[in-house]
Amino acid sequence: MRRAISDKLYALTAGLSPARAHATEVELAVAEATCAVETSLARTARALEREYRTEKLRRYSHDIALYQRMRLTALE
């Protein structure tokens, strides 16, 4: 949903005064936030983020550990 709104924001605000364009953007942001709070959207997004992050981190765990060791060594 966020991508769809942001992709269409220019079209939704084209030709509006700066004040009206801002008001439209605020209305959309409030609607999106309300949707996220009143539905499982936020919870689902956080769960997906954790799942994908864990998957990606596992794939690169050796490289990440090496980077962290090098960074700590550089600080010594």
PDB file of N, CA and C in Angstrom:
ATOM      1  N   MET A   1       0.820  -1.183   0.000  1.00  0.00           N
ATOM      2  CA  MET A   1       0.000   0.000   0.000  1.00  0.00           C
ATOM      3  C   MET A   1       0.872   1.258   0.000  1.00  0.00           C
ATOM      4  N   ARG A   2       1.913   1.277   0.848  1.00  0.00           N
ATOM      5  CA  ARG A   2       2.776   2.463   0.937  1.00  0.00           C
ATOM      6  C   ARG A   2       3.366   2.788  -0.415  1.00  0.00           C
ATOM      7  N   ARG A   3       3.827   1.785  -1.121  1.00  0.00           N
ATOM      8  CA  ARG A   3       4.447   2.005  -2.426  1.00  0.00           C
ATOM      9  C   ARG A   3       3.414   2.571  -3.395  1.00  0.00           C
ATOM     10  N   ALA A   4       2.215   2.052  -3.361  1.00  0.00           N
ATOM     11  CA  ALA A   4       1.171   2.528  -4.276  1.00  0.00           C
ATOM     12  C   ALA A   4       0.849   3.992  -4.015  1.00  0.00           C
ATOM     13  N   ILE A   5       0.766   4.376  -2.751  1.00  0.00           N
ATOM     14  CA  ILE A   5       0.470   5.767  -2.418  1.00  0.00           C
ATOM     15  C   ILE A   5       1.612   6.674  -2.837  1.00  0.00           C
ATOM     16  N   SER A   6       2.839   6.293  -2.480  1.00  0.00           N
ATOM     17  CA  SER A   6       3.972   7.163  -2.805  1.00  0.00           C
ATOM     18  C   SER A   6       4.188   7.258  -4.312  1.00  0.00           C
ATOM     19  N   ASP A   7       3.924   6.187  -5.033  1.00  0.00           N
ATOM     20  CA  ASP A   7       4.064   6.215  -6.492  1.00  0.00           C
ATOM     21  C   ASP A   7       3.058   7.160  -7.141  1.00  0.00           C
ATOM     22  N   LYS A   8       1.900   7.292  -6.539  1.00  0.00           N
ATOM     23  CA  LYS A   8       0.829   8.102  -7.119  1.00  0.00           C
ATOM     24  C   LYS A   8       0.734   9.498  -6.502  1.00  0.00           C
ATOM     25  N   LEU A   9       1.587   9.786  -5.522  1.00  0.00           N
ATOM     26  CA  LEU A   9       1.490  11.064  -4.824  1.00  0.00           C
ATOM     27  C   LEU A   9       1.632  12.246  -5.776  1.00  0.00           C
ATOM     28  N   TYR A  10       2.586  12.173  -6.683  1.00  0.00           N
ATOM     29  CA  TYR A  10       2.780  13.283  -7.625  1.00  0.00           C
ATOM     30  C   TYR A  10       1.511  13.506  -8.442  1.00  0.00           C
ATOM     31  N   ALA A  11       0.944  12.419  -8.942  1.00  0.00           N
ATOM     32  CA  ALA A  11      -0.273  12.551  -9.751  1.00  0.00           C
ATOM     33  C   ALA A  11      -1.434  13.087  -8.919  1.00  0.00           C
ATOM     34  N   LEU A  12      -1.491  12.696  -7.658  1.00  0.00           N
ATOM     35  CA  LEU A  12      -2.575  13.151  -6.790  1.00  0.00           C
ATOM     36  C   LEU A  12      -2.454  14.627  -6.426  1.00  0.00           C
ATOM     37  N   THR A  13      -1.233  15.148  -6.442  1.00  0.00           N
ATOM     38  CA  THR A  13      -1.033  16.528  -6.013  1.00  0.00           C
ATOM     39  C   THR A  13      -0.679  17.475  -7.158  1.00  0.00           C
ATOM     40  N   ALA A  14      -0.540  16.947  -8.359  1.00  0.00           N
ATOM     41  CA  ALA A  14      -0.190  17.784  -9.510  1.00  0.00           C
ATOM     42  C   ALA A  14      -1.258  18.853  -9.724  1.00  0.00           C
ATOM     43  N   GLY A  15      -0.813  20.074  -9.897  1.00  0.00           N
ATOM     44  CA  GLY A  15      -1.732  21.164 -10.173  1.00  0.00           C
ATOM     45  C   GLY A  15      -2.357  21.793  -8.945  1.00  0.00           C
ATOM     46  N   LEU A  16      -2.113  21.221  -7.772  1.00  0.00           N
ATOM     47  CA  LEU A  16      -2.660  21.791  -6.546  1.00  0.00           C
ATOM     48  C   LEU A  16      -1.734  22.886  -6.031  1.00  0.00           C
ATOM     49  N   SER A  17      -2.276  23.780  -5.264  1.00  0.00           N
ATOM     50  CA  SER A  17      -1.432  24.786  -4.612  1.00  0.00           C
ATOM     51  C   SER A  17      -0.524  24.056  -3.621  1.00  0.00           C
ATOM     52  N   PRO A  18       0.603  24.658  -3.270  1.00  0.00           N
ATOM     53  CA  PRO A  18       1.488  24.001  -2.296  1.00  0.00           C
ATOM     54  C   PRO A  18       0.769  23.656  -0.993  1.00  0.00           C
ATOM     55  N   ALA A  19      -0.080  24.539  -0.526  1.00  0.00           N
ATOM     56  CA  ALA A  19      -0.809  24.282   0.719  1.00  0.00           C
ATOM     57  C   ALA A  19      -1.765  23.095   0.560  1.00  0.00           C
ATOM     58  N   ARG A  20      -2.489  23.064  -0.554  1.00  0.00           N
ATOM     59  CA  ARG A  20      -3.437  21.958  -0.778  1.00  0.00           C
ATOM     60  C   ARG A  20      -2.693  20.643  -1.020  1.00  0.00           C
ATOM     61  N   ALA A  21      -1.565  20.699  -1.725  1.00  0.00           N
ATOM     62  CA  ALA A  21      -0.760  19.490  -1.955  1.00  0.00           C
ATOM     63  C   ALA A  21      -0.262  18.939  -0.621  1.00  0.00           C
ATOM     64  N   HIS A  22       0.193  19.833   0.254  1.00  0.00           N
ATOM     65  CA  HIS A  22       0.654  19.414   1.585  1.00  0.00           C
ATOM     66  C   HIS A  22      -0.497  18.799   2.383  1.00  0.00           C
ATOM     67  N   ALA A  23      -1.647  19.433   2.346  1.00  0.00           N
ATOM     68  CA  ALA A  23      -2.817  18.910   3.061  1.00  0.00           C
ATOM     69  C   ALA A  23      -3.199  17.521   2.546  1.00  0.00           C
ATOM     70  N   THR A  24      -3.127  17.331   1.238  1.00  0.00           N
ATOM     71  CA  THR A  24      -3.429  16.022   0.646  1.00  0.00           C
ATOM     72  C   THR A  24      -2.428  14.981   1.128  1.00  0.00           C
ATOM     73  N   GLU A  25      -1.161  15.361   1.142  1.00  0.00           N
ATOM     74  CA  GLU A  25      -0.123  14.428   1.602  1.00  0.00           C
ATOM     75  C   GLU A  25      -0.323  14.071   3.071  1.00  0.00           C
ATOM     76  N   VAL A  26      -0.694  15.039   3.881  1.00  0.00           N
ATOM     77  CA  VAL A  26      -0.957  14.781   5.302  1.00  0.00           C
ATOM     78  C   VAL A  26      -2.159  13.855   5.458  1.00  0.00           C
ATOM     79  N   GLU A  27      -3.208  14.098   4.703  1.00  0.00           N
ATOM     80  CA  GLU A  27      -4.397  13.235   4.756  1.00  0.00           C
ATOM     81  C   GLU A  27      -4.029  11.790   4.417  1.00  0.00           C
ATOM     82  N   LEU A  28      -3.208  11.611   3.389  1.00  0.00           N
ATOM     83  CA  LEU A  28      -2.786  10.262   2.997  1.00  0.00           C
ATOM     84  C   LEU A  28      -1.935   9.615   4.086  1.00  0.00           C
ATOM     85  N   ALA A  29      -1.049  10.386   4.687  1.00  0.00           N
ATOM     86  CA  ALA A  29      -0.199   9.851   5.755  1.00  0.00           C
ATOM     87  C   ALA A  29      -1.031   9.422   6.959  1.00  0.00           C
ATOM     88  N   VAL A  30      -2.023  10.228   7.308  1.00  0.00           N
ATOM     89  CA  VAL A  30      -2.900   9.888   8.429  1.00  0.00           C
ATOM     90  C   VAL A  30      -3.704   8.631   8.110  1.00  0.00           C
ATOM     91  N   ALA A  31      -4.216   8.541   6.899  1.00  0.00           N
ATOM     92  CA  ALA A  31      -4.971   7.344   6.498  1.00  0.00           C
ATOM     93  C   ALA A  31      -4.087   6.103   6.550  1.00  0.00           C
ATOM     94  N   GLU A  32      -2.852   6.227   6.088  1.00  0.00           N
ATOM     95  CA  GLU A  32      -1.930   5.090   6.112  1.00  0.00           C
ATOM     96  C   GLU A  32      -1.603   4.683   7.543  1.00  0.00           C
ATOM     97  N   ALA A  33      -1.341   5.656   8.406  1.00  0.00           N
ATOM     98  CA  ALA A  33      -1.028   5.357   9.800  1.00  0.00           C
ATOM     99  C   ALA A  33      -2.218   4.716  10.507  1.00  0.00           C
ATOM    100  N   THR A  34      -3.403   5.232  10.238  1.00  0.00           N
ATOM    101  CA  THR A  34      -4.616   4.669  10.831  1.00  0.00           C
ATOM    102  C   THR A  34      -4.803   3.220  10.389  1.00  0.00           C
ATOM    103  N   CYS A  35      -4.586   2.973   9.122  1.00  0.00           N
ATOM    104  CA  CYS A  35      -4.701   1.615   8.589  1.00  0.00           C
ATOM    105  C   CYS A  35      -3.695   0.688   9.264  1.00  0.00           C
ATOM    106  N   ALA A  36      -2.473   1.165   9.416  1.00  0.00           N
ATOM    107  CA  ALA A  36      -1.424   0.345  10.021  1.00  0.00           C
ATOM    108  C   ALA A  36      -1.749  -0.002  11.468  1.00  0.00           C
ATOM    109  N   VAL A  37      -2.365   0.938  12.189  1.00  0.00           N
ATOM    110  CA  VAL A  37      -2.687   0.718  13.596  1.00  0.00           C
ATOM    111  C   VAL A  37      -3.925  -0.157  13.754  1.00  0.00           C
ATOM    112  N   GLU A  38      -4.922   0.064  12.909  1.00  0.00           N
ATOM    113  CA  GLU A  38      -6.202  -0.629  13.075  1.00  0.00           C
ATOM    114  C   GLU A  38      -6.250  -1.996  12.417  1.00  0.00           C
ATOM    115  N   THR A  39      -5.253  -2.320  11.634  1.00  0.00           N
ATOM    116  CA  THR A  39      -5.201  -3.639  10.999  1.00  0.00           C
ATOM    117  C   THR A  39      -3.917  -4.328  11.435  1.00  0.00           C
ATOM    118  N   SER A  40      -3.695  -5.490  10.931  1.00  0.00           N
ATOM    119  CA  SER A  40      -2.471  -6.219  11.266  1.00  0.00           C
ATOM    120  C   SER A  40      -1.320  -5.824  10.349  1.00  0.00           C
ATOM    121  N   LEU A  41      -1.482  -4.750   9.586  1.00  0.00           N
ATOM    122  CA  LEU A  41      -0.450  -4.338   8.633  1.00  0.00           C
ATOM    123  C   LEU A  41       0.893  -4.110   9.303  1.00  0.00           C
ATOM    124  N   ALA A  42       0.934  -3.339  10.370  1.00  0.00           N
ATOM    125  CA  ALA A  42       2.203  -3.046  11.041  1.00  0.00           C
ATOM    126  C   ALA A  42       2.815  -4.318  11.611  1.00  0.00           C
ATOM    127  N   ARG A  43       2.020  -5.129  12.251  1.00  0.00           N
ATOM    128  CA  ARG A  43       2.511  -6.378  12.835  1.00  0.00           C
ATOM    129  C   ARG A  43       3.053  -7.291  11.743  1.00  0.00           C
ATOM    130  N   THR A  44       2.336  -7.383  10.636  1.00  0.00           N
ATOM    131  CA  THR A  44       2.771  -8.219   9.523  1.00  0.00           C
ATOM    132  C   THR A  44       4.072  -7.692   8.925  1.00  0.00           C
ATOM    133  N   ALA A  45       4.162  -6.380   8.765  1.00  0.00           N
ATOM    134  CA  ALA A  45       5.381  -5.783   8.205  1.00  0.00           C
ATOM    135  C   ALA A  45       6.576  -6.048   9.108  1.00  0.00           C
ATOM    136  N   ARG A  46       6.406  -5.919  10.422  1.00  0.00           N
ATOM    137  CA  ARG A  46       7.516  -6.189  11.351  1.00  0.00           C
ATOM    138  C   ARG A  46       7.920  -7.653  11.305  1.00  0.00           C
ATOM    139  N   ALA A  47       6.948  -8.542  11.240  1.00  0.00           N
ATOM    140  CA  ALA A  47       7.250  -9.975  11.185  1.00  0.00           C
ATOM    141  C   ALA A  47       8.014 -10.321   9.911  1.00  0.00           C
ATOM    142  N   LEU A  48       7.576  -9.765   8.798  1.00  0.00           N
ATOM    143  CA  LEU A  48       8.272 -10.017   7.533  1.00  0.00           C
ATOM    144  C   LEU A  48       9.685  -9.447   7.557  1.00  0.00           C
ATOM    145  N   GLU A  49       9.846  -8.261   8.121  1.00  0.00           N
ATOM    146  CA  GLU A  49      11.171  -7.648   8.229  1.00  0.00           C
ATOM    147  C   GLU A  49      12.107  -8.536   9.043  1.00  0.00           C
ATOM    148  N   ARG A  50      11.631  -9.030  10.186  1.00  0.00           N
ATOM    149  CA  ARG A  50      12.459  -9.924  11.016  1.00  0.00           C
ATOM    150  C   ARG A  50      12.818 -11.185  10.255  1.00  0.00           C
ATOM    151  N   GLU A  51      11.838 -11.773   9.585  1.00  0.00           N
ATOM    152  CA  GLU A  51      12.068 -13.018   8.848  1.00  0.00           C
ATOM    153  C   GLU A  51      13.101 -12.825   7.736  1.00  0.00           C
ATOM    154  N   TYR A  52      12.924 -11.802   6.934  1.00  0.00           N
ATOM    155  CA  TYR A  52      13.845 -11.569   5.823  1.00  0.00           C
ATOM    156  C   TYR A  52      15.220 -11.147   6.319  1.00  0.00           C
ATOM    157  N   ARG A  53      15.259 -10.326   7.371  1.00  0.00           N
ATOM    158  CA  ARG A  53      16.541  -9.890   7.920  1.00  0.00           C
ATOM    159  C   ARG A  53      17.321 -11.100   8.440  1.00  0.00           C
ATOM    160  N   THR A  54      16.643 -11.964   9.191  1.00  0.00           N
ATOM    161  CA  THR A  54      17.298 -13.160   9.721  1.00  0.00           C
ATOM    162  C   THR A  54      17.832 -14.026   8.592  1.00  0.00           C
ATOM    163  N   GLU A  55      17.013 -14.199   7.560  1.00  0.00           N
ATOM    164  CA  GLU A  55      17.431 -15.012   6.409  1.00  0.00           C
ATOM    165  C   GLU A  55      18.666 -14.417   5.737  1.00  0.00           C
ATOM    166  N   LYS A  56      18.658 -13.116   5.499  1.00  0.00           N
ATOM    167  CA  LYS A  56      19.786 -12.466   4.829  1.00  0.00           C
ATOM    168  C   LYS A  56      21.025 -12.451   5.712  1.00  0.00           C
ATOM    169  N   LEU A  57      20.831 -12.185   7.002  1.00  0.00           N
ATOM    170  CA  LEU A  57      21.976 -12.162   7.907  1.00  0.00           C
ATOM    171  C   LEU A  57      22.619 -13.539   8.016  1.00  0.00           C
ATOM    172  N   ARG A  58      21.819 -14.575   8.022  1.00  0.00           N
ATOM    173  CA  ARG A  58      22.351 -15.931   8.093  1.00  0.00           C
ATOM    174  C   ARG A  58      23.217 -16.204   6.862  1.00  0.00           C
ATOM    175  N   ARG A  59      22.748 -15.782   5.742  1.00  0.00           N
ATOM    176  CA  ARG A  59      23.483 -16.018   4.488  1.00  0.00           C
ATOM    177  C   ARG A  59      24.850 -15.349   4.521  1.00  0.00           C
ATOM    178  N   TYR A  60      24.935 -14.177   5.125  1.00  0.00           N
ATOM    179  CA  TYR A  60      26.186 -13.422   5.150  1.00  0.00           C
ATOM    180  C   TYR A  60      26.821 -13.391   6.539  1.00  0.00           C
ATOM    181  N   SER A  61      26.475 -14.324   7.398  1.00  0.00           N
ATOM    182  CA  SER A  61      26.952 -14.291   8.783  1.00  0.00           C
ATOM    183  C   SER A  61      28.479 -14.315   8.876  1.00  0.00           C
ATOM    184  N   HIS A  62      29.135 -15.088   8.035  1.00  0.00           N
ATOM    185  CA  HIS A  62      30.602 -15.128   8.058  1.00  0.00           C
ATOM    186  C   HIS A  62      31.182 -13.761   7.714  1.00  0.00           C
ATOM    187  N   ASP A  63      30.671 -13.140   6.668  1.00  0.00           N
ATOM    188  CA  ASP A  63      31.164 -11.822   6.249  1.00  0.00           C
ATOM    189  C   ASP A  63      30.887 -10.763   7.313  1.00  0.00           C
ATOM    190  N   ILE A  64      29.728 -10.829   7.930  1.00  0.00           N
ATOM    191  CA  ILE A  64      29.371  -9.859   8.970  1.00  0.00           C
ATOM    192  C   ILE A  64      30.294 -10.029  10.172  1.00  0.00           C
ATOM    193  N   ALA A  65      30.528 -11.268  10.590  1.00  0.00           N
ATOM    194  CA  ALA A  65      31.426 -11.520  11.721  1.00  0.00           C
ATOM    195  C   ALA A  65      32.836 -11.036  11.406  1.00  0.00           C
ATOM    196  N   LEU A  66      33.314 -11.277  10.194  1.00  0.00           N
ATOM    197  CA  LEU A  66      34.635 -10.815   9.788  1.00  0.00           C
ATOM    198  C   LEU A  66      34.713  -9.293   9.836  1.00  0.00           C
ATOM    199  N   TYR A  67      33.709  -8.629   9.331  1.00  0.00           N
ATOM    200  CA  TYR A  67      33.653  -7.163   9.356  1.00  0.00           C
ATOM    201  C   TYR A  67      33.696  -6.653  10.794  1.00  0.00           C
ATOM    202  N   GLN A  68      32.911  -7.265  11.674  1.00  0.00           N
ATOM    203  CA  GLN A  68      32.875  -6.827  13.065  1.00  0.00           C
ATOM    204  C   GLN A  68      34.233  -7.026  13.736  1.00  0.00           C
ATOM    205  N   ARG A  69      34.886  -8.157  13.460  1.00  0.00           N
ATOM    206  CA  ARG A  69      36.222  -8.402  14.034  1.00  0.00           C
ATOM    207  C   ARG A  69      37.226  -7.370  13.529  1.00  0.00           C
ATOM    208  N   MET A  70      37.190  -7.079  12.231  1.00  0.00           N
ATOM    209  CA  MET A  70      38.120  -6.096  11.665  1.00  0.00           C
ATOM    210  C   MET A  70      37.857  -4.716  12.269  1.00  0.00           C
ATOM    211  N   ARG A  71      36.616  -4.373  12.458  1.00  0.00           N
ATOM    212  CA  ARG A  71      36.266  -3.075  13.028  1.00  0.00           C
ATOM    213  C   ARG A  71      36.763  -2.955  14.460  1.00  0.00           C
ATOM    214  N   LEU A  72      36.562  -4.023  15.237  1.00  0.00           N
ATOM    215  CA  LEU A  72      37.035  -4.004  16.618  1.00  0.00           C
ATOM    216  C   LEU A  72      38.560  -3.965  16.690  1.00  0.00           C
ATOM    217  N   THR A  73      39.218  -4.690  15.805  1.00  0.00           N
ATOM    218  CA  THR A  73      40.677  -4.688  15.752  1.00  0.00           C
ATOM    219  C   THR A  73      41.189  -3.289  15.416  1.00  0.00           C
ATOM    220  N   ALA A  74      40.527  -2.603  14.526  1.00  0.00           N
ATOM    221  CA  ALA A  74      40.946  -1.257  14.126  1.00  0.00           C
ATOM    222  C   ALA A  74      40.817  -0.278  15.294  1.00  0.00           C
ATOM    223  N   LEU A  75      39.909  -0.541  16.206  1.00  0.00           N
ATOM    224  CA  LEU A  75      39.703   0.350  17.347  1.00  0.00           C
ATOM    225  C   LEU A  75      40.720   0.131  18.463  1.00  0.00           C
ATOM    226  N   GLU A  76      41.444  -0.968  18.401  1.00  0.00           N
ATOM    227  CA  GLU A  76      42.419  -1.272  19.465  1.00  0.00           C
ATOM    228  C   GLU A  76      43.646  -0.408  19.355  1.00  0.00           C
TER     229      GLU A  76
END
